Each structure stands twice: as structure tokens, then as C-alpha cells.
């Protein structure tokens, strides 16, 4: 049996990270966690370190590093500061990027530049930094295995088929907690309403994105970046049961789909173990009790974030970076009670109207574009708050 793959878990204390730990500990002969990292959750890192015994523990918030001193297993290296998470990305064979939002860019780039496999759950880094990530992806040995259930499904359905044989990619969306509601009915929804996702267990930011369909819009851009398929050949359908995770339609009319119960451990395990599937089953279906599978077109008038994402994706360049930054600012304001749910799309639209194109050739360019977009988005949020 080959030596266990050395695994790095960036964002180990979040939803993806904790589920990744469930996967690797279920098959300890295949994986050895050598580094873990979090933004600021020192207590959780301490608990994980005593369970996993990694060689390195990283924390982005340097002020929390003192909590780790003397609390970790003997011999554990501590890395702290803004670059700490990116620094551990070069330490392993497989890097799980479960960092939430744009903060995951450094992990994505460093993992690829080191020639590692990147199990990517942080779609924002690929979307915002597309040109830079694609350049890093050309490093010898580097590869991206998507952890999003939809892109993992497409990866499985594509197999070794050439892109020329693909007619279109079909991404499925649950529709989130507000499927079927009108704009008038959504005027006063609360944070708690938006976080009540009917099928998936996710963190607050991505759950809000699901409620606005921005998550699906970001996934459209991600699919374009991952698989090299044009936006006119990427469609979205609402599938409330979340059993068909996505489909590939071929030019001869055949459609291949990947089905399972909604369980993020399946795409995590697929990305970690590829090309050899795990011996542990996650999301297996009982076909005798599978509910009716329904599909419907998305309501792009009520959920305007989806067409805005298509618009930014087609513009390319720095536009997806601005889209992502505007959305992160708007979602944070909503979660903090400073912005009503319908205004999330309004902020994104206003920011895209103010987009100033720039060339993204390195990480510094991406950071500058992101900072500029966040400044514009913060002003738009402030203006909306004054009117309200």
C-alpha cells in the first residue's frame, strides 16, 4: 500500500474543513493531515490539533496566536499572520481550501504554484483571480479537483471526454429557502429566514448566497474557468430535491448526470482520493425511496444575482472580481442587519455599473481590484442605509 497522502486543511474549523476531517479520519490509512489552519478560531484549532497531531497549525489572526502557545501537542509548529494560511499550502500533496470568501485566494495560488492537488471549495478565489489562478494552474503537477457538489458532478460526468463533444453543462440549484416566492414576499425576510436552507448544511455566507442564487451565479463562472466551456453553453435549472447534482449534455443528445443524497463529504472524498474512490460511501441513495425529481427554470427577475453573474463572467477580466467583492460586502451587511435581503442584488448591480476594468497579471493586481470594488460597495451600502 502506498504511503498516506499528506493533507493540508486550510479553513479546517469551518463547514468544509470539519467535514473533510470526518472523511480523512474514516480512512486513516489513506490520508495524513500534516497542517491545519483557520482565520481566528484558536480554540477549535487546539481541539483539532490534539485529535489530528499535525506538524503545523496556522492562524491568520496574529492576535490569537498566544492562545495556541503551550496549548498544542509538543513539537507543533505555529504560523500566524495574514500569510499563514497560504504558507501551509505548499506543505502537502493535497490541499483542501475551505477558507470562506476572497481570503482563500492566497491558499489557491500557493497550492497550485507548489504543484499540489487543490481540492477547491473556495470558489471565490478562482472567480476573482481567474487569470492569475489559471497561470498558477499550469505549474507541473498542479491540478484542481472541485469540491463544490455541482462541479464535482460535472468532473465525474465528463470523464475523459473532449470539450468539443460537450453541448452544454447543466448546473442544478436547490432554489434555496425562498424558491417560489415573489419579490413582494421577500421584501422583509430575516437573516434567520435566509439561513434556513432546505437541503444543505453550509456556513452562513454560502447559505445566504444560495438564497439569492448568487452561489449559482458564482458556480457558472467557476464552471467556465474549470472546464473551459463558454457561458452560452452553461445553463442552470432549479432542482429542489438536490439529488441530481449536475449534468453534462453531449452533442449526440445524451445527458449524463451524477446523483446522490446531498452530502458534502462525497465531493470532498472524491477530490481527496482521486482517481481512486474511497471505500466509505457518503450520500448513497435508497432507490426504492427516492422522491420525485423535479426541474424548473430559475426566476431570474426575482433572483437578479444570477443574471448579474452571467454578465460579469462574460465581461471577464476584473469584472468577476468586482462581482465577488460587491457580493461579499453586501452579504456581510445583510448578516449584520445593516442591509435588507433584496438590496444584496441592488448593491452588486450598482457596483458592476461602476466597474473600472483592470488587467490581472499577479496577486497584487487582484488584491487592488478587490479593494477598489469593496470601497465602492461599502459606499453603496451606506447610501442604501441612509435612504432606509
Protein backbone atom coordinates (compact mmCIF):
# COMPACT_ATOMS: atom_id res chain seq x y z
CA UNK A 1 0.00 0.00 0.00
CA UNK A 2 1.38 3.46 -0.88
CA UNK A 3 2.20 5.96 1.83
CA UNK A 4 -0.75 8.08 3.00
CA UNK A 5 -1.27 11.31 1.09
CA UNK A 6 -0.12 14.35 3.05
CA UNK A 7 -3.17 16.58 3.51
CA UNK A 8 -3.34 20.29 4.30
CA UNK A 9 -6.66 21.64 5.61
CA UNK A 10 -6.94 25.40 5.16
CA UNK A 11 -10.13 26.57 6.82
CA UNK A 12 -10.14 23.44 8.97
CA UNK A 13 -12.59 24.82 11.54
CA UNK A 14 -15.32 25.73 9.05
CA UNK A 15 -18.06 23.64 7.49
CA UNK A 16 -15.90 22.19 4.69
CA UNK A 17 -12.91 21.72 6.98
CA UNK A 18 -14.76 19.83 9.67
CA UNK A 19 -16.41 17.56 7.11
CA UNK A 20 -13.02 16.95 5.49
CA UNK A 21 -11.75 15.82 8.88
CA UNK A 22 -14.62 13.32 9.05
CA UNK A 23 -13.54 11.95 5.67
CA UNK A 24 -9.82 11.64 6.37
CA UNK A 25 -10.33 10.08 9.78
CA UNK A 26 -12.67 7.47 8.27
CA UNK A 27 -9.79 6.15 6.12
CA UNK A 28 -6.64 6.95 8.13
CA UNK A 29 -4.55 4.55 6.07
CA UNK A 30 -5.01 6.81 3.02
CA UNK A 31 -4.52 10.28 4.50
CA UNK A 32 -2.19 12.00 6.94
CA UNK A 33 -3.16 15.54 7.97
CA UNK A 34 0.10 17.44 8.28
CA UNK A 35 -1.19 21.03 8.54
CA UNK A 36 -4.38 22.76 9.61
CA UNK A 37 -5.31 26.41 9.63
CA UNK A 38 -8.09 28.85 10.45
CA UNK A 39 -8.75 32.54 10.34
CA UNK A 40 -9.27 33.13 14.04
CA UNK A 41 -10.83 30.04 15.71
CA UNK A 42 -7.97 29.28 18.10
CA UNK A 43 -9.95 27.07 20.49
CA UNK A 44 -11.20 24.86 17.66
CA UNK A 45 -7.68 24.62 16.22
CA UNK A 46 -6.39 23.43 19.58
CA UNK A 47 -9.01 20.68 19.73
CA UNK A 48 -8.28 19.62 16.16
CA UNK A 49 -4.53 19.61 16.76
CA UNK A 50 -4.88 17.20 19.68
CA UNK A 51 -7.03 14.92 17.55
CA UNK A 52 -5.06 15.03 14.30
CA UNK A 53 -1.49 15.77 15.50
CA UNK A 54 -0.50 17.91 12.51
CA UNK A 55 3.03 19.19 12.16
CA UNK A 56 1.87 22.77 11.52
CA UNK A 57 -1.01 24.87 12.86
CA UNK A 58 -1.67 28.21 11.18
CA UNK A 59 -3.88 31.10 12.25
CA UNK A 60 -4.42 34.23 10.20
CA UNK A 61 -5.33 36.45 13.15
CA UNK A 62 -1.94 37.02 14.77
CA UNK A 63 -3.58 38.33 17.95
CA UNK A 64 -4.97 34.83 18.59
CA UNK A 65 -1.58 33.13 18.31
CA UNK A 66 -0.93 33.47 22.06
CA UNK A 67 -3.87 31.17 22.74
CA UNK A 68 -2.04 28.45 20.84
CA UNK A 69 1.20 28.79 22.78
CA UNK A 70 1.59 25.87 25.17
CA UNK A 71 -1.84 24.51 24.24
CA UNK A 72 -0.79 22.38 21.25
CA UNK A 73 0.90 18.98 21.20
CA UNK A 74 4.64 19.16 21.77
CA UNK A 75 6.65 19.94 18.66
CA UNK A 76 3.80 21.54 16.72
CA UNK A 77 4.94 24.49 14.60
CA UNK A 78 2.74 27.59 14.82
CA UNK A 79 2.41 30.07 11.96
CA UNK A 80 0.47 33.27 12.48
CA UNK A 81 -0.43 36.33 10.46
CA UNK A 82 -2.09 37.25 7.17
CA UNK A 83 0.13 34.92 5.11
CA UNK A 84 -0.03 31.96 7.48
CA UNK A 85 -2.76 30.03 5.65
CA UNK A 86 -1.13 30.48 2.27
CA UNK A 87 2.20 29.35 3.73
CA UNK A 88 0.89 25.91 4.66
CA UNK A 89 -0.49 25.32 1.16
CA UNK A 90 2.94 24.25 -0.08
CA UNK A 91 3.37 21.63 2.64
CA UNK A 92 1.20 18.81 1.37
CA UNK A 93 0.28 16.57 -1.55
CA UNK A 94 -3.38 17.57 -1.34
CA UNK A 95 -4.60 20.96 -0.14
CA UNK A 96 -8.24 21.42 0.85
CA UNK A 97 -9.13 25.08 0.51
CA UNK A 98 -12.17 25.53 2.71
CA UNK A 99 -11.44 29.17 3.54
CA UNK A 100 -14.55 31.33 3.22
CA UNK A 101 -14.58 34.05 0.57
CA UNK A 102 -11.85 36.07 -1.10
CA UNK A 103 -9.48 35.38 1.79
CA UNK A 104 -8.82 31.98 0.22
CA UNK A 105 -7.00 33.43 -2.82
CA UNK A 106 -3.52 33.02 -1.36
CA UNK A 107 -4.15 29.38 -0.48
CA UNK A 108 -5.37 28.61 -4.01
CA UNK A 109 -2.41 30.26 -5.73
CA UNK A 110 0.26 28.83 -3.43
CA UNK A 111 -1.15 25.30 -3.61
CA UNK A 112 -1.04 25.38 -7.40
CA UNK A 113 2.37 27.06 -7.61
CA UNK A 114 3.78 24.32 -5.39
CA UNK A 115 2.49 21.68 -7.82
CA UNK A 116 -0.04 20.22 -5.39
CA UNK A 117 -3.54 18.95 -5.95
CA UNK A 118 -6.02 21.59 -4.87
CA UNK A 119 -9.33 20.32 -3.52
CA UNK A 120 -11.14 23.60 -4.11
CA UNK A 121 -14.17 24.57 -2.06
CA UNK A 122 -13.26 28.26 -2.18
CA UNK A 123 -14.84 29.23 -5.49
CA UNK A 124 -14.33 32.95 -4.82
CA UNK A 125 -10.56 32.73 -5.34
CA UNK A 126 -10.96 31.14 -8.76
CA UNK A 127 -13.65 33.62 -9.76
CA UNK A 128 -11.97 36.80 -8.51
CA UNK A 129 -8.46 35.82 -9.55
CA UNK A 130 -9.23 33.79 -12.67
CA UNK A 131 -6.29 34.91 -14.86
CA UNK A 132 -3.78 34.57 -12.00
CA UNK A 133 -5.13 31.18 -10.91
CA UNK A 134 -5.06 29.86 -14.47
CA UNK A 135 -1.39 30.83 -14.76
CA UNK A 136 -0.58 29.04 -11.48
CA UNK A 137 -2.58 26.03 -12.69
CA UNK A 138 -0.04 25.49 -15.46
CA UNK A 139 2.63 24.55 -12.87
CA UNK A 140 3.87 21.00 -13.37
CA UNK A 141 1.88 18.62 -11.15
CA UNK A 142 -0.74 21.18 -10.19
CA UNK A 143 -4.37 20.25 -10.59
CA UNK A 144 -7.75 21.42 -9.33
CA UNK A 145 -10.34 18.96 -8.12
CA UNK A 146 -13.57 20.86 -7.42
CA UNK A 147 -15.27 20.26 -4.07
CA UNK A 148 -18.50 22.08 -4.97
CA UNK A 149 -21.04 19.31 -5.42
CA UNK A 150 -22.06 20.68 -8.83
CA UNK A 151 -18.56 20.88 -10.28
CA UNK A 152 -17.56 17.58 -8.75
CA UNK A 153 -20.59 16.10 -10.51
CA UNK A 154 -19.54 17.64 -13.83
CA UNK A 155 -15.98 16.38 -13.35
CA UNK A 156 -17.34 12.86 -12.91
CA UNK A 157 -19.76 13.15 -15.86
CA UNK A 158 -17.08 14.49 -18.20
CA UNK A 159 -14.52 11.81 -17.53
CA UNK A 160 -12.01 11.88 -20.37
CA UNK A 161 -14.46 13.29 -22.93
CA UNK A 162 -13.06 16.15 -25.03
CA UNK A 163 -14.70 19.53 -24.61
CA UNK A 164 -15.64 19.50 -28.31
CA UNK A 165 -18.13 16.71 -27.62
CA UNK A 166 -19.97 18.70 -24.93
CA UNK A 167 -23.15 20.50 -25.96
CA UNK A 168 -23.73 22.13 -22.58
CA UNK A 169 -23.21 21.90 -18.85
CA UNK A 170 -26.33 21.98 -16.69
CA UNK A 171 -25.81 23.15 -13.10
CA UNK A 172 -28.59 22.27 -10.70
CA UNK A 173 -29.73 24.67 -7.97
CA UNK A 174 -31.87 23.77 -4.97
CA UNK A 175 -33.59 27.15 -5.23
CA UNK A 176 -32.67 27.88 -1.62
CA UNK A 177 -35.15 28.75 1.13
CA UNK A 178 -37.04 31.32 -0.97
CA UNK A 179 -37.84 29.26 -4.06
CA UNK A 180 -41.22 30.22 -5.50
CA UNK A 181 -41.59 33.46 -3.56
CA UNK A 182 -42.24 36.79 -5.25
CA UNK A 183 -40.26 39.98 -4.83
CA UNK A 184 -43.03 41.40 -2.65
CA UNK A 185 -42.92 38.36 -0.37
CA UNK A 186 -39.14 38.72 0.02
CA UNK A 187 -39.14 42.39 0.98
CA UNK A 188 -38.97 41.76 4.73
CA UNK A 189 -37.23 38.37 5.08
CA UNK A 190 -34.88 38.00 8.03
CA UNK A 191 -31.37 36.63 8.39
CA UNK A 192 -32.85 33.57 10.06
CA UNK A 193 -35.14 33.03 7.07
CA UNK A 194 -32.22 33.22 4.65
CA UNK A 195 -30.14 30.77 6.70
CA UNK A 196 -32.87 28.12 6.75
CA UNK A 197 -31.63 26.13 3.77
CA UNK A 198 -33.93 23.20 2.97
CA UNK A 199 -31.33 20.59 1.94
CA UNK A 200 -27.69 21.57 2.52
CA UNK A 201 -25.65 22.14 5.69
CA UNK A 202 -23.32 25.06 4.94
CA UNK A 203 -21.78 28.16 6.50
CA UNK A 204 -23.75 31.43 6.74
CA UNK A 205 -22.14 33.24 3.80
CA UNK A 206 -22.69 30.48 1.25
CA UNK A 207 -26.19 29.84 2.63
CA UNK A 208 -27.16 33.47 2.01
CA UNK A 209 -25.61 33.19 -1.46
CA UNK A 210 -27.85 30.19 -2.06
CA UNK A 211 -30.89 32.21 -1.03
CA UNK A 212 -30.10 34.92 -3.62
CA UNK A 213 -28.90 32.43 -6.29
CA UNK A 214 -25.57 34.28 -6.29
CA UNK A 215 -23.98 31.00 -5.27
CA UNK A 216 -25.22 29.50 -8.53
CA UNK A 217 -24.03 32.54 -10.46
CA UNK A 218 -20.56 32.18 -8.97
CA UNK A 219 -20.66 28.49 -9.88
CA UNK A 220 -21.44 29.37 -13.51
CA UNK A 221 -18.24 31.43 -13.63
CA UNK A 222 -16.37 28.68 -11.80
CA UNK A 223 -17.57 26.09 -14.33
CA UNK A 224 -16.31 28.29 -17.16
CA UNK A 225 -12.91 28.61 -15.50
CA UNK A 226 -12.61 24.94 -14.57
CA UNK A 227 -13.80 23.28 -17.76
CA UNK A 228 -13.23 25.87 -20.49
CA UNK A 229 -16.88 25.89 -21.61
CA UNK A 230 -18.40 29.15 -22.90
CA UNK A 231 -21.16 30.89 -20.95
CA UNK A 232 -23.69 30.25 -23.72
CA UNK A 233 -23.22 26.53 -23.05
CA UNK A 234 -23.67 26.68 -19.27
CA UNK A 235 -27.27 26.51 -18.04
CA UNK A 236 -28.91 26.50 -14.61
CA UNK A 237 -32.03 24.57 -13.62
CA UNK A 238 -33.73 24.55 -10.23
CA UNK A 239 -33.93 21.07 -8.74
CA UNK A 240 -35.35 21.31 -5.20
CA UNK A 241 -34.58 17.72 -4.18
CA UNK A 242 -30.79 18.29 -4.53
CA UNK A 243 -30.26 14.70 -5.69
CA UNK A 244 -29.12 15.38 -9.26
CA UNK A 245 -26.01 17.44 -8.63
CA UNK A 246 -25.37 18.49 -12.21
CA UNK A 247 -25.41 17.13 -15.75
CA UNK A 248 -23.40 17.12 -18.95
CA UNK A 249 -25.28 17.06 -22.24
CA UNK A 250 -23.29 15.79 -25.20
CA UNK A 251 -23.62 16.79 -28.84
CA UNK A 252 -25.28 13.46 -29.73
CA UNK A 253 -28.16 14.24 -27.35
CA UNK A 254 -27.05 12.02 -24.45
CA UNK A 255 -27.11 13.54 -20.96
CA UNK A 256 -25.06 12.10 -18.10
CA UNK A 257 -25.91 13.08 -14.52
CA UNK A 258 -24.43 12.39 -11.09
CA UNK A 259 -26.94 11.56 -8.36
CA UNK A 260 -26.61 11.14 -4.60
CA UNK A 261 -28.08 12.40 -1.38
CA UNK A 262 -26.88 15.94 -0.53
CA UNK A 263 -23.71 15.23 1.45
CA UNK A 264 -20.60 17.37 1.01
CA UNK A 265 -18.40 14.53 2.25
CA UNK A 266 -18.87 12.81 -1.11
CA UNK A 267 -17.21 15.56 -3.24
CA UNK A 268 -14.62 16.13 -0.51
CA UNK A 269 -13.70 12.45 -0.55
CA UNK A 270 -13.70 12.34 -4.34
CA UNK A 271 -11.28 15.27 -4.52
CA UNK A 272 -9.01 13.88 -1.80
CA UNK A 273 -8.78 10.37 -3.21
CA UNK A 274 -8.94 10.95 -6.97
CA UNK A 275 -8.52 8.94 -9.13
CA UNK A 276 -9.23 6.14 -6.64
CA UNK A 277 -12.63 6.39 -4.97
CA UNK A 278 -12.96 5.99 -1.21
CA UNK A 279 -14.12 2.77 0.38
CA UNK A 280 -16.59 4.72 2.54
CA UNK A 281 -19.96 5.67 0.99
CA UNK A 282 -21.41 9.12 1.52
CA UNK A 283 -24.78 10.12 0.11
CA UNK A 284 -25.72 6.69 -1.24
CA UNK A 285 -29.33 6.52 -2.47
CA UNK A 286 -32.06 4.12 -1.49
CA UNK A 287 -33.63 3.92 -4.94
CA UNK A 288 -36.88 2.48 -3.60
CA UNK A 289 -37.50 5.68 -1.66
CA UNK A 290 -36.09 8.35 -4.00
CA UNK A 291 -38.66 11.16 -4.26
CA UNK A 292 -39.94 12.59 -7.49
CA UNK A 293 -37.19 14.53 -9.24
CA UNK A 294 -38.40 17.96 -10.33
CA UNK A 295 -36.77 20.59 -12.52
CA UNK A 296 -37.78 24.15 -13.36
CA UNK A 297 -36.15 27.27 -14.79
CA UNK A 298 -34.75 29.81 -12.30
CA UNK A 299 -36.70 33.01 -11.64
CA UNK A 300 -34.07 35.49 -12.79
CA UNK A 301 -36.30 38.52 -12.24
CA UNK A 302 -36.79 37.87 -8.54
CA UNK A 303 -33.28 36.45 -8.08
CA UNK A 304 -31.31 39.01 -10.07
CA UNK A 305 -27.89 37.92 -8.77
CA UNK A 306 -27.83 35.03 -11.24
CA UNK A 307 -28.02 37.14 -14.43
CA UNK A 308 -25.59 39.64 -12.88
CA UNK A 309 -23.06 36.84 -12.51
CA UNK A 310 -23.50 35.83 -16.15
CA UNK A 311 -22.95 39.47 -17.11
CA UNK A 312 -19.73 39.72 -15.09
CA UNK A 313 -18.49 36.39 -16.39
CA UNK A 314 -18.99 37.42 -20.00
CA UNK A 315 -17.19 40.71 -19.36
CA UNK A 316 -14.27 38.77 -17.90
CA UNK A 317 -11.06 40.39 -16.72
CA UNK A 318 -11.58 42.14 -13.40
CA UNK A 319 -15.41 42.13 -13.60
CA UNK A 320 -15.84 38.80 -11.76
CA UNK A 321 -13.53 40.14 -9.04
CA UNK A 322 -15.77 43.18 -8.65
CA UNK A 323 -18.87 40.97 -8.63
CA UNK A 324 -17.44 38.79 -5.87
CA UNK A 325 -16.24 41.73 -3.76
CA UNK A 326 -19.58 43.52 -4.04
CA UNK A 327 -21.44 40.40 -3.05
CA UNK A 328 -19.21 39.73 -0.03
CA UNK A 329 -19.68 43.29 1.23
CA UNK A 330 -23.45 43.14 0.68
CA UNK A 331 -23.87 39.72 2.32
CA UNK A 332 -21.81 40.82 5.34
CA UNK A 333 -24.02 43.90 5.70
CA UNK A 334 -27.14 41.74 5.48
CA UNK A 335 -25.87 39.30 8.11
CA UNK A 336 -25.09 42.25 10.38
CA UNK A 337 -28.60 43.66 9.95
CA UNK A 338 -27.44 46.76 8.01
CA UNK A 339 -28.94 45.81 4.64
CA UNK A 340 -32.27 44.24 3.66
CA UNK A 341 -32.13 41.00 1.69
CA UNK A 342 -33.49 42.47 -1.60
CA UNK A 343 -30.73 45.08 -1.59
CA UNK A 344 -27.96 42.48 -1.91
CA UNK A 345 -28.62 42.29 -5.65
CA UNK A 346 -29.01 46.07 -5.83
CA UNK A 347 -25.54 46.57 -4.34
CA UNK A 348 -23.99 44.11 -6.78
CA UNK A 349 -25.71 45.74 -9.76
CA UNK A 350 -24.63 49.23 -8.70
CA UNK A 351 -21.04 48.15 -8.23
CA UNK A 352 -20.89 46.44 -11.63
CA UNK A 353 -22.20 49.65 -13.21
CA UNK A 354 -19.20 51.43 -11.67
CA UNK A 355 -16.70 48.72 -12.67
CA UNK A 356 -13.35 50.08 -13.83
CA UNK A 357 -11.63 47.33 -15.87
CA UNK A 358 -8.06 46.45 -14.93
CA UNK A 359 -5.59 43.78 -16.03
CA UNK A 360 -4.98 40.97 -13.55
CA UNK A 361 -1.48 39.59 -14.01
CA UNK A 362 -0.49 38.82 -10.42
CA UNK A 363 -1.97 38.53 -6.95
CA UNK A 364 -1.28 42.21 -6.23
CA UNK A 365 -3.49 43.18 -9.17
CA UNK A 366 -6.32 41.00 -7.85
CA UNK A 367 -5.96 42.47 -4.36
CA UNK A 368 -6.06 46.00 -5.76
CA UNK A 369 -9.18 45.32 -7.83
CA UNK A 370 -10.86 43.66 -4.87
CA UNK A 371 -10.03 46.57 -2.57
CA UNK A 372 -11.36 49.12 -5.07
CA UNK A 373 -14.60 47.17 -5.55
CA UNK A 374 -15.10 46.81 -1.80
CA UNK A 375 -14.67 50.55 -1.35
CA UNK A 376 -17.34 51.20 -3.98
CA UNK A 377 -19.63 48.54 -2.49
CA UNK A 378 -19.28 49.94 1.04
CA UNK A 379 -20.33 53.36 -0.21
CA UNK A 380 -23.35 51.87 -1.98
CA UNK A 381 -24.38 50.02 1.18
CA UNK A 382 -24.04 53.25 3.16
CA UNK A 383 -26.21 55.12 0.66
CA UNK A 384 -28.93 52.46 0.83
CA UNK A 385 -28.83 52.55 4.65
CA UNK A 386 -29.31 56.34 4.62
CA UNK A 387 -32.39 56.04 2.40
CA UNK A 388 -33.82 53.29 4.57
